[in-house]
């Protein structure tokens, strides 16, 4: 592995910068960065401490700073210290400015302003947490999406991810012998999506779950025949109700959520989710 110092400077929370850095580093198998994270850098006096760290631990500097004075000071310091630097958002902002024929606002943290979209995400998160794992099953009509599936098919993390995108999401477990909420079969507004998976993979996930709970007994929860029947039952239910299904066997949470958003967009555009 190649260890190196990576300094990340942002005038806001640094979420965008971290995401870009993570995505880029993932393309290099041998890269092992020692991260130095510097969010909310908005004054030149704050920059002094950062430059001292860069001098002590030379490495790549990546930044999303819009204040011209702070940027100029940082760039000058990097050149003086002979360390490489990347202004991550500059190419995007410059090209977008040329296309729109406008000058950028140059306001730190503008993407985190308290807009209607921000409050919609908060509202979606509150709704999703209140409707996790079958809770408040008589209040499903207000959902944008309802995820159904057997235990350990990533319903909760997918719901949280969707909520962070402003999508009110409820999730309901499918358990043979346990009735599903009546409202699930009468609501018309929410998109209902079934999450399914490969039985062998599900058994592996469930075994790991039991081990983490220090549970060693063999139960129907991990019995191969019982698990296969569980999944078959869930598939039949979705088929009968014409609910689209997503196989999560080899999908990450982000990929599953993206598939749900695609189905939602299809429906909103007048198509039939498949």
C-alpha atoms as a PDB file:
ATOM      1  CA  UNK A   1       0.000   0.000   0.000  1.00  0.00           C
ATOM      2  CA  UNK A   2       1.160   3.552  -0.770  1.00  0.00           C
ATOM      3  CA  UNK A   3       0.661   5.810   2.223  1.00  0.00           C
ATOM      4  CA  UNK A   4       0.439   9.544   1.646  1.00  0.00           C
ATOM      5  CA  UNK A   5      -0.885  12.634   3.406  1.00  0.00           C
ATOM      6  CA  UNK A   6      -4.118  14.058   2.019  1.00  0.00           C
ATOM      7  CA  UNK A   7      -5.269  17.486   3.202  1.00  0.00           C
ATOM      8  CA  UNK A   8      -8.948  18.288   2.570  1.00  0.00           C
ATOM      9  CA  UNK A   9      -9.985  21.929   3.061  1.00  0.00           C
ATOM     10  CA  UNK A  10     -13.531  23.215   2.817  1.00  0.00           C
ATOM     11  CA  UNK A  11     -15.316  26.433   3.689  1.00  0.00           C
ATOM     12  CA  UNK A  12     -18.408  24.379   4.569  1.00  0.00           C
ATOM     13  CA  UNK A  13     -19.060  20.910   5.981  1.00  0.00           C
ATOM     14  CA  UNK A  14     -16.688  19.232   3.533  1.00  0.00           C
ATOM     15  CA  UNK A  15     -19.197  16.548   2.510  1.00  0.00           C
ATOM     16  CA  UNK A  16     -18.776  17.284  -1.193  1.00  0.00           C
ATOM     17  CA  UNK A  17     -14.988  17.278  -0.949  1.00  0.00           C
ATOM     18  CA  UNK A  18     -14.896  14.031   1.029  1.00  0.00           C
ATOM     19  CA  UNK A  19     -17.193  12.333  -1.475  1.00  0.00           C
ATOM     20  CA  UNK A  20     -15.047  13.399  -4.437  1.00  0.00           C
ATOM     21  CA  UNK A  21     -11.819  12.381  -2.706  1.00  0.00           C
ATOM     22  CA  UNK A  22     -13.251   9.004  -1.706  1.00  0.00           C
ATOM     23  CA  UNK A  23     -14.497   8.286  -5.222  1.00  0.00           C
ATOM     24  CA  UNK A  24     -11.145   9.226  -6.759  1.00  0.00           C
ATOM     25  CA  UNK A  25      -9.038   7.259  -4.271  1.00  0.00           C
ATOM     26  CA  UNK A  26     -11.181   4.169  -4.834  1.00  0.00           C
ATOM     27  CA  UNK A  27      -9.772   4.009  -8.363  1.00  0.00           C
ATOM     28  CA  UNK A  28      -6.272   3.325  -7.012  1.00  0.00           C
ATOM     29  CA  UNK A  29      -5.929  -0.084  -5.393  1.00  0.00           C
ATOM     30  CA  UNK A  30      -2.692   0.718  -3.585  1.00  0.00           C
ATOM     31  CA  UNK A  31      -3.668   4.150  -2.251  1.00  0.00           C
ATOM     32  CA  UNK A  32      -3.780   4.473   1.541  1.00  0.00           C
ATOM     33  CA  UNK A  33      -4.267   8.147   2.455  1.00  0.00           C
ATOM     34  CA  UNK A  34      -3.643   9.657   5.871  1.00  0.00           C
ATOM     35  CA  UNK A  35      -6.466  12.191   5.897  1.00  0.00           C
ATOM     36  CA  UNK A  36      -6.255  15.649   7.422  1.00  0.00           C
ATOM     37  CA  UNK A  37      -9.765  17.100   7.318  1.00  0.00           C
ATOM     38  CA  UNK A  38     -10.247  20.864   7.660  1.00  0.00           C
ATOM     39  CA  UNK A  39     -13.913  21.960   7.392  1.00  0.00           C
ATOM     40  CA  UNK A  40     -15.369  25.458   7.890  1.00  0.00           C
ATOM     41  CA  UNK A  41     -12.204  27.341   6.853  1.00  0.00           C
ATOM     42  CA  UNK A  42     -13.561  30.861   6.341  1.00  0.00           C
ATOM     43  CA  UNK A  43     -10.876  33.170   7.728  1.00  0.00           C
ATOM     44  CA  UNK A  44      -7.196  33.607   6.899  1.00  0.00           C
ATOM     45  CA  UNK A  45      -6.261  33.108  10.540  1.00  0.00           C
ATOM     46  CA  UNK A  46      -7.847  29.635  10.413  1.00  0.00           C
ATOM     47  CA  UNK A  47      -5.712  28.882   7.386  1.00  0.00           C
ATOM     48  CA  UNK A  48      -2.480  29.460   9.326  1.00  0.00           C
ATOM     49  CA  UNK A  49      -2.962  26.283  11.373  1.00  0.00           C
ATOM     50  CA  UNK A  50      -3.774  24.329   8.214  1.00  0.00           C
ATOM     51  CA  UNK A  51      -0.614  25.524   6.444  1.00  0.00           C
ATOM     52  CA  UNK A  52       1.461  24.535   9.487  1.00  0.00           C
ATOM     53  CA  UNK A  53       0.031  21.013   9.221  1.00  0.00           C
ATOM     54  CA  UNK A  54       0.704  20.867   5.476  1.00  0.00           C
ATOM     55  CA  UNK A  55       4.301  21.913   6.116  1.00  0.00           C
ATOM     56  CA  UNK A  56       4.692  19.240   8.802  1.00  0.00           C
ATOM     57  CA  UNK A  57       2.964  16.550   6.694  1.00  0.00           C
ATOM     58  CA  UNK A  58       3.522  17.359   2.994  1.00  0.00           C
ATOM     59  CA  UNK A  59       1.092  15.704   0.627  1.00  0.00           C
ATOM     60  CA  UNK A  60      -1.737  16.346  -1.798  1.00  0.00           C
ATOM     61  CA  UNK A  61      -4.012  19.289  -0.963  1.00  0.00           C
ATOM     62  CA  UNK A  62      -7.617  19.253  -2.199  1.00  0.00           C
ATOM     63  CA  UNK A  63      -9.929  22.156  -1.491  1.00  0.00           C
ATOM     64  CA  UNK A  64     -13.355  23.672  -2.082  1.00  0.00           C
ATOM     65  CA  UNK A  65     -12.853  27.298  -1.106  1.00  0.00           C
ATOM     66  CA  UNK A  66     -14.695  30.162  -2.798  1.00  0.00           C
ATOM     67  CA  UNK A  67     -13.264  33.162  -0.918  1.00  0.00           C
ATOM     68  CA  UNK A  68     -10.629  34.622  -3.236  1.00  0.00           C
ATOM     69  CA  UNK A  69      -8.336  35.859  -0.445  1.00  0.00           C
ATOM     70  CA  UNK A  70      -8.253  32.520   1.376  1.00  0.00           C
ATOM     71  CA  UNK A  71      -7.772  30.645  -1.909  1.00  0.00           C
ATOM     72  CA  UNK A  72      -4.888  32.887  -2.921  1.00  0.00           C
ATOM     73  CA  UNK A  73      -3.195  32.457   0.453  1.00  0.00           C
ATOM     74  CA  UNK A  74      -3.553  28.687   0.293  1.00  0.00           C
ATOM     75  CA  UNK A  75      -2.281  28.429  -3.280  1.00  0.00           C
ATOM     76  CA  UNK A  76       0.703  30.652  -2.478  1.00  0.00           C
ATOM     77  CA  UNK A  77       1.508  28.516   0.587  1.00  0.00           C
ATOM     78  CA  UNK A  78       1.265  25.277  -1.410  1.00  0.00           C
ATOM     79  CA  UNK A  79       3.609  26.641  -4.072  1.00  0.00           C
ATOM     80  CA  UNK A  80       6.046  27.834  -1.438  1.00  0.00           C
ATOM     81  CA  UNK A  81       5.989  24.394   0.214  1.00  0.00           C
ATOM     82  CA  UNK A  82       6.179  22.682  -3.196  1.00  0.00           C
ATOM     83  CA  UNK A  83       3.101  20.512  -2.575  1.00  0.00           C
ATOM     84  CA  UNK A  84       0.478  19.718  -5.247  1.00  0.00           C
ATOM     85  CA  UNK A  85      -3.022  21.172  -4.898  1.00  0.00           C
ATOM     86  CA  UNK A  86      -6.390  20.704  -6.596  1.00  0.00           C
ATOM     87  CA  UNK A  87      -9.317  23.142  -6.588  1.00  0.00           C
ATOM     88  CA  UNK A  88     -11.948  20.415  -6.892  1.00  0.00           C
ATOM     89  CA  UNK A  89     -14.991  22.437  -7.970  1.00  0.00           C
ATOM     90  CA  UNK A  90     -13.256  24.964 -10.238  1.00  0.00           C
ATOM     91  CA  UNK A  91     -13.623  23.085 -13.578  1.00  0.00           C
ATOM     92  CA  UNK A  92     -17.323  22.420 -12.941  1.00  0.00           C
ATOM     93  CA  UNK A  93     -18.113  25.973 -11.805  1.00  0.00           C
ATOM     94  CA  UNK A  94     -16.150  27.542 -14.673  1.00  0.00           C
ATOM     95  CA  UNK A  95     -17.783  25.386 -17.336  1.00  0.00           C
ATOM     96  CA  UNK A  96     -21.241  25.901 -15.834  1.00  0.00           C
ATOM     97  CA  UNK A  97     -20.629  29.652 -15.704  1.00  0.00           C
ATOM     98  CA  UNK A  98     -19.665  29.700 -19.382  1.00  0.00           C
ATOM     99  CA  UNK A  99     -22.740  27.688 -20.304  1.00  0.00           C
ATOM    100  CA  UNK A 100     -25.130  29.857 -18.268  1.00  0.00           C
ATOM    101  CA  UNK A 101     -23.383  33.103 -19.052  1.00  0.00           C
ATOM    102  CA  UNK A 102     -23.318  33.981 -15.364  1.00  0.00           C
ATOM    103  CA  UNK A 103     -20.755  34.569 -12.644  1.00  0.00           C
ATOM    104  CA  UNK A 104     -20.844  32.231  -9.642  1.00  0.00           C
ATOM    105  CA  UNK A 105     -22.094  33.496  -6.269  1.00  0.00           C
ATOM    106  CA  UNK A 106     -18.819  32.657  -4.487  1.00  0.00           C
ATOM    107  CA  UNK A 107     -20.705  32.091  -1.236  1.00  0.00           C
ATOM    108  CA  UNK A 108     -19.330  29.466   1.199  1.00  0.00           C
ATOM    109  CA  UNK A 109     -21.688  26.600   1.991  1.00  0.00           C
ATOM    110  CA  UNK A 110     -24.388  27.842  -0.378  1.00  0.00           C
ATOM    111  CA  UNK A 111     -25.443  24.240  -1.092  1.00  0.00           C
ATOM    112  CA  UNK A 112     -26.373  23.865   2.588  1.00  0.00           C
ATOM    113  CA  UNK A 113     -28.669  26.905   2.747  1.00  0.00           C
ATOM    114  CA  UNK A 114     -31.955  26.358   4.589  1.00  0.00           C
ATOM    115  CA  UNK A 115     -34.066  25.949   1.476  1.00  0.00           C
ATOM    116  CA  UNK A 116     -37.416  24.243   0.980  1.00  0.00           C
ATOM    117  CA  UNK A 117     -35.458  21.220  -0.250  1.00  0.00           C
ATOM    118  CA  UNK A 118     -33.542  21.096   3.027  1.00  0.00           C
ATOM    119  CA  UNK A 119     -36.720  21.079   5.095  1.00  0.00           C
ATOM    120  CA  UNK A 120     -38.247  18.458   2.792  1.00  0.00           C
ATOM    121  CA  UNK A 121     -35.293  16.162   3.581  1.00  0.00           C
ATOM    122  CA  UNK A 122     -35.758  16.704   7.313  1.00  0.00           C
ATOM    123  CA  UNK A 123     -39.466  15.967   6.997  1.00  0.00           C
ATOM    124  CA  UNK A 124     -38.718  12.824   4.980  1.00  0.00           C
ATOM    125  CA  UNK A 125     -36.188  11.630   7.560  1.00  0.00           C
ATOM    126  CA  UNK A 126     -38.636  12.120  10.439  1.00  0.00           C
ATOM    127  CA  UNK A 127     -41.339  10.241   8.529  1.00  0.00           C
ATOM    128  CA  UNK A 128     -38.986   7.404   7.603  1.00  0.00           C
ATOM    129  CA  UNK A 129     -37.696   6.867  11.136  1.00  0.00           C
ATOM    130  CA  UNK A 130     -41.266   6.817  12.450  1.00  0.00           C
ATOM    131  CA  UNK A 131     -42.276   4.218   9.845  1.00  0.00           C
ATOM    132  CA  UNK A 132     -39.331   1.845  10.155  1.00  0.00           C
ATOM    133  CA  UNK A 133     -39.897  -1.924  10.326  1.00  0.00           C
ATOM    134  CA  UNK A 134     -43.668  -1.804  10.103  1.00  0.00           C
ATOM    135  CA  UNK A 135     -44.268   0.957  12.645  1.00  0.00           C
ATOM    136  CA  UNK A 136     -47.359   3.152  12.173  1.00  0.00           C
ATOM    137  CA  UNK A 137     -48.751   0.749   9.598  1.00  0.00           C
ATOM    138  CA  UNK A 138     -52.056   2.634   9.530  1.00  0.00           C
ATOM    139  CA  UNK A 139     -50.417   5.832   8.261  1.00  0.00           C
ATOM    140  CA  UNK A 140     -48.875   4.678   4.998  1.00  0.00           C
ATOM    141  CA  UNK A 141     -50.805   6.893   2.584  1.00  0.00           C
ATOM    142  CA  UNK A 142     -48.418   9.799   3.180  1.00  0.00           C
ATOM    143  CA  UNK A 143     -45.375   7.800   2.068  1.00  0.00           C
ATOM    144  CA  UNK A 144     -43.702   8.331  -1.302  1.00  0.00           C
ATOM    145  CA  UNK A 145     -42.225   4.818  -1.260  1.00  0.00           C
ATOM    146  CA  UNK A 146     -42.966   1.664   0.736  1.00  0.00           C
ATOM    147  CA  UNK A 147     -40.318  -1.050   0.793  1.00  0.00           C
ATOM    148  CA  UNK A 148     -41.398  -4.605   1.602  1.00  0.00           C
ATOM    149  CA  UNK A 149     -39.238  -7.672   2.034  1.00  0.00           C
ATOM    150  CA  UNK A 150     -38.153 -10.464   4.348  1.00  0.00           C
ATOM    151  CA  UNK A 151     -35.770  -9.827   7.219  1.00  0.00           C
ATOM    152  CA  UNK A 152     -32.210  -8.638   6.347  1.00  0.00           C
ATOM    153  CA  UNK A 153     -32.880  -7.405   2.818  1.00  0.00           C
ATOM    154  CA  UNK A 154     -31.538  -3.912   3.646  1.00  0.00           C
ATOM    155  CA  UNK A 155     -34.946  -2.277   3.979  1.00  0.00           C
ATOM    156  CA  UNK A 156     -33.962   0.100   6.786  1.00  0.00           C
ATOM    157  CA  UNK A 157     -30.642   1.439   5.426  1.00  0.00           C
ATOM    158  CA  UNK A 158     -32.181   1.846   1.982  1.00  0.00           C
ATOM    159  CA  UNK A 159     -35.079   3.754   3.534  1.00  0.00           C
ATOM    160  CA  UNK A 160     -32.684   6.073   5.384  1.00  0.00           C
ATOM    161  CA  UNK A 161     -30.708   6.704   2.202  1.00  0.00           C
ATOM    162  CA  UNK A 162     -33.898   7.565   0.308  1.00  0.00           C
ATOM    163  CA  UNK A 163     -35.039   9.841   3.131  1.00  0.00           C
ATOM    164  CA  UNK A 164     -31.792  11.744   2.822  1.00  0.00           C
ATOM    165  CA  UNK A 165     -32.824  12.385  -0.779  1.00  0.00           C
ATOM    166  CA  UNK A 166     -36.148  13.802   0.402  1.00  0.00           C
ATOM    167  CA  UNK A 167     -38.211  10.645  -0.235  1.00  0.00           C
ATOM    168  CA  UNK A 168     -40.654   9.713   2.534  1.00  0.00           C
ATOM    169  CA  UNK A 169     -40.097   5.977   2.882  1.00  0.00           C
ATOM    170  CA  UNK A 170     -41.815   3.354   5.006  1.00  0.00           C
ATOM    171  CA  UNK A 171     -40.569  -0.219   5.215  1.00  0.00           C
ATOM    172  CA  UNK A 172     -42.557  -3.293   6.187  1.00  0.00           C
ATOM    173  CA  UNK A 173     -41.225  -6.785   6.903  1.00  0.00           C
ATOM    174  CA  UNK A 174     -42.797  -9.774   5.181  1.00  0.00           C
ATOM    175  CA  UNK A 175     -43.159 -12.559   7.730  1.00  0.00           C
ATOM    176  CA  UNK A 176     -45.142 -15.688   6.921  1.00  0.00           C
ATOM    177  CA  UNK A 177     -48.038 -16.078   9.322  1.00  0.00           C
ATOM    178  CA  UNK A 178     -48.031 -12.373  10.254  1.00  0.00           C
ATOM    179  CA  UNK A 179     -50.631 -10.235   8.487  1.00  0.00           C
ATOM    180  CA  UNK A 180     -49.442  -7.178   6.637  1.00  0.00           C
ATOM    181  CA  UNK A 181     -51.109  -3.811   7.362  1.00  0.00           C
ATOM    182  CA  UNK A 182     -54.464  -3.557   5.591  1.00  0.00           C
ATOM    183  CA  UNK A 183     -53.604  -0.087   4.342  1.00  0.00           C
ATOM    184  CA  UNK A 184     -50.722  -1.553   2.338  1.00  0.00           C
ATOM    185  CA  UNK A 185     -53.271  -3.062  -0.058  1.00  0.00           C
ATOM    186  CA  UNK A 186     -55.426   0.047  -0.433  1.00  0.00           C
ATOM    187  CA  UNK A 187     -52.982   2.970  -0.725  1.00  0.00           C
ATOM    188  CA  UNK A 188     -52.589   4.446  -4.198  1.00  0.00           C
ATOM    189  CA  UNK A 189     -50.055   7.275  -3.760  1.00  0.00           C
ATOM    190  CA  UNK A 190     -46.939   5.392  -2.559  1.00  0.00           C
ATOM    191  CA  UNK A 191     -44.769   3.320  -4.864  1.00  0.00           C
ATOM    192  CA  UNK A 192     -44.525  -0.146  -3.280  1.00  0.00           C
ATOM    193  CA  UNK A 193     -41.306  -2.036  -4.047  1.00  0.00           C
ATOM    194  CA  UNK A 194     -40.322  -5.543  -3.001  1.00  0.00           C
ATOM    195  CA  UNK A 195     -36.701  -6.230  -2.033  1.00  0.00           C
ATOM    196  CA  UNK A 196     -35.608  -9.812  -2.683  1.00  0.00           C
ATOM    197  CA  UNK A 197     -32.300 -11.630  -2.533  1.00  0.00           C
ATOM    198  CA  UNK A 198     -30.527 -14.918  -3.125  1.00  0.00           C
ATOM    199  CA  UNK A 199     -31.371 -17.488  -0.382  1.00  0.00           C
ATOM    200  CA  UNK A 200     -27.747 -18.543   0.160  1.00  0.00           C
ATOM    201  CA  UNK A 201     -26.617 -14.949   0.498  1.00  0.00           C
ATOM    202  CA  UNK A 202     -29.490 -14.211   2.890  1.00  0.00           C
ATOM    203  CA  UNK A 203     -28.576 -17.191   5.084  1.00  0.00           C
ATOM    204  CA  UNK A 204     -24.984 -15.924   5.237  1.00  0.00           C
ATOM    205  CA  UNK A 205     -26.135 -12.431   6.239  1.00  0.00           C
ATOM    206  CA  UNK A 206     -28.461 -13.821   8.881  1.00  0.00           C
ATOM    207  CA  UNK A 207     -25.783 -16.111  10.320  1.00  0.00           C
ATOM    208  CA  UNK A 208     -23.481 -13.136  10.718  1.00  0.00           C
ATOM    209  CA  UNK A 209     -26.285 -11.240  12.380  1.00  0.00           C
ATOM    210  CA  UNK A 210     -26.858 -14.056  14.883  1.00  0.00           C
ATOM    211  CA  UNK A 211     -23.123 -14.294  15.598  1.00  0.00           C
ATOM    212  CA  UNK A 212     -22.998 -10.587  16.374  1.00  0.00           C
ATOM    213  CA  UNK A 213     -25.807 -11.190  18.860  1.00  0.00           C
ATOM    214  CA  UNK A 214     -23.909 -14.202  20.267  1.00  0.00           C
ATOM    215  CA  UNK A 215     -26.800 -16.458  19.287  1.00  0.00           C
ATOM    216  CA  UNK A 216     -25.618 -19.937  18.293  1.00  0.00           C
ATOM    217  CA  UNK A 217     -28.851 -21.918  18.111  1.00  0.00           C
ATOM    218  CA  UNK A 218     -29.992 -23.249  14.738  1.00  0.00           C
ATOM    219  CA  UNK A 219     -33.427 -21.810  13.964  1.00  0.00           C
ATOM    220  CA  UNK A 220     -35.782 -21.506  11.001  1.00  0.00           C
ATOM    221  CA  UNK A 221     -34.324 -18.020  10.604  1.00  0.00           C
ATOM    222  CA  UNK A 222     -31.319 -19.615   8.880  1.00  0.00           C
ATOM    223  CA  UNK A 223     -32.778 -22.982   7.835  1.00  0.00           C
ATOM    224  CA  UNK A 224     -32.184 -23.275   4.063  1.00  0.00           C
ATOM    225  CA  UNK A 225     -35.615 -24.706   3.258  1.00  0.00           C
ATOM    226  CA  UNK A 226     -37.411 -22.166   5.441  1.00  0.00           C
ATOM    227  CA  UNK A 227     -35.445 -19.257   3.967  1.00  0.00           C
ATOM    228  CA  UNK A 228     -36.129 -20.368   0.393  1.00  0.00           C
ATOM    229  CA  UNK A 229     -39.835 -20.596   1.172  1.00  0.00           C
ATOM    230  CA  UNK A 230     -39.736 -17.136   2.781  1.00  0.00           C
ATOM    231  CA  UNK A 231     -38.281 -15.602  -0.347  1.00  0.00           C
ATOM    232  CA  UNK A 232     -40.610 -17.543  -2.631  1.00  0.00           C
ATOM    233  CA  UNK A 233     -43.554 -16.297  -0.575  1.00  0.00           C
ATOM    234  CA  UNK A 234     -42.334 -12.697  -0.830  1.00  0.00           C
ATOM    235  CA  UNK A 235     -41.901 -13.014  -4.591  1.00  0.00           C
ATOM    236  CA  UNK A 236     -45.400 -14.493  -5.004  1.00  0.00           C
ATOM    237  CA  UNK A 237     -46.893 -11.672  -2.963  1.00  0.00           C
ATOM    238  CA  UNK A 238     -45.178  -9.017  -5.107  1.00  0.00           C
ATOM    239  CA  UNK A 239     -46.202 -10.788  -8.308  1.00  0.00           C
ATOM    240  CA  UNK A 240     -49.831 -11.033  -7.178  1.00  0.00           C
ATOM    241  CA  UNK A 241     -49.939  -7.337  -6.306  1.00  0.00           C
ATOM    242  CA  UNK A 242     -47.895  -6.270  -9.357  1.00  0.00           C
ATOM    243  CA  UNK A 243     -45.302  -4.641  -7.117  1.00  0.00           C
ATOM    244  CA  UNK A 244     -41.923  -4.211  -8.841  1.00  0.00           C
ATOM    245  CA  UNK A 245     -39.050  -6.153  -7.259  1.00  0.00           C
ATOM    246  CA  UNK A 246     -35.369  -5.336  -6.857  1.00  0.00           C
ATOM    247  CA  UNK A 247     -32.840  -8.109  -6.281  1.00  0.00           C
ATOM    248  CA  UNK A 248     -30.431  -6.734  -3.671  1.00  0.00           C
ATOM    249  CA  UNK A 249     -28.075  -9.736  -3.680  1.00  0.00           C
ATOM    250  CA  UNK A 250     -25.160  -7.938  -5.318  1.00  0.00           C
ATOM    251  CA  UNK A 251     -26.271  -4.362  -4.852  1.00  0.00           C
ATOM    252  CA  UNK A 252     -24.948  -1.806  -2.411  1.00  0.00           C
ATOM    253  CA  UNK A 253     -27.417   0.347  -0.472  1.00  0.00           C
ATOM    254  CA  UNK A 254     -26.701   3.215  -2.864  1.00  0.00           C
ATOM    255  CA  UNK A 255     -27.385   1.022  -5.908  1.00  0.00           C
ATOM    256  CA  UNK A 256     -30.648  -0.268  -4.444  1.00  0.00           C
ATOM    257  CA  UNK A 257     -31.774   3.265  -3.627  1.00  0.00           C
ATOM    258  CA  UNK A 258     -30.851   4.409  -7.145  1.00  0.00           C
ATOM    259  CA  UNK A 259     -32.990   1.614  -8.580  1.00  0.00           C
ATOM    260  CA  UNK A 260     -35.920   2.709  -6.396  1.00  0.00           C
ATOM    261  CA  UNK A 261     -35.495   6.333  -7.507  1.00  0.00           C
ATOM    262  CA  UNK A 262     -35.474   5.159 -11.114  1.00  0.00           C
ATOM    263  CA  UNK A 263     -38.759   3.301 -10.585  1.00  0.00           C
ATOM    264  CA  UNK A 264     -40.214   6.382  -8.913  1.00  0.00           C
ATOM    265  CA  UNK A 265     -39.151   8.558 -11.842  1.00  0.00           C
ATOM    266  CA  UNK A 266     -40.683   6.101 -14.313  1.00  0.00           C
ATOM    267  CA  UNK A 267     -44.009   6.299 -12.526  1.00  0.00           C
ATOM    268  CA  UNK A 268     -43.917  10.092 -12.233  1.00  0.00           C
ATOM    269  CA  UNK A 269     -43.236  10.283 -15.967  1.00  0.00           C
ATOM    270  CA  UNK A 270     -46.319   8.230 -16.705  1.00  0.00           C
ATOM    271  CA  UNK A 271     -44.676   4.857 -17.172  1.00  0.00           C
ATOM    272  CA  UNK A 272     -45.212   1.587 -15.346  1.00  0.00           C
ATOM    273  CA  UNK A 273     -42.376   0.728 -12.930  1.00  0.00           C
ATOM    274  CA  UNK A 274     -40.794  -2.623 -13.808  1.00  0.00           C
END
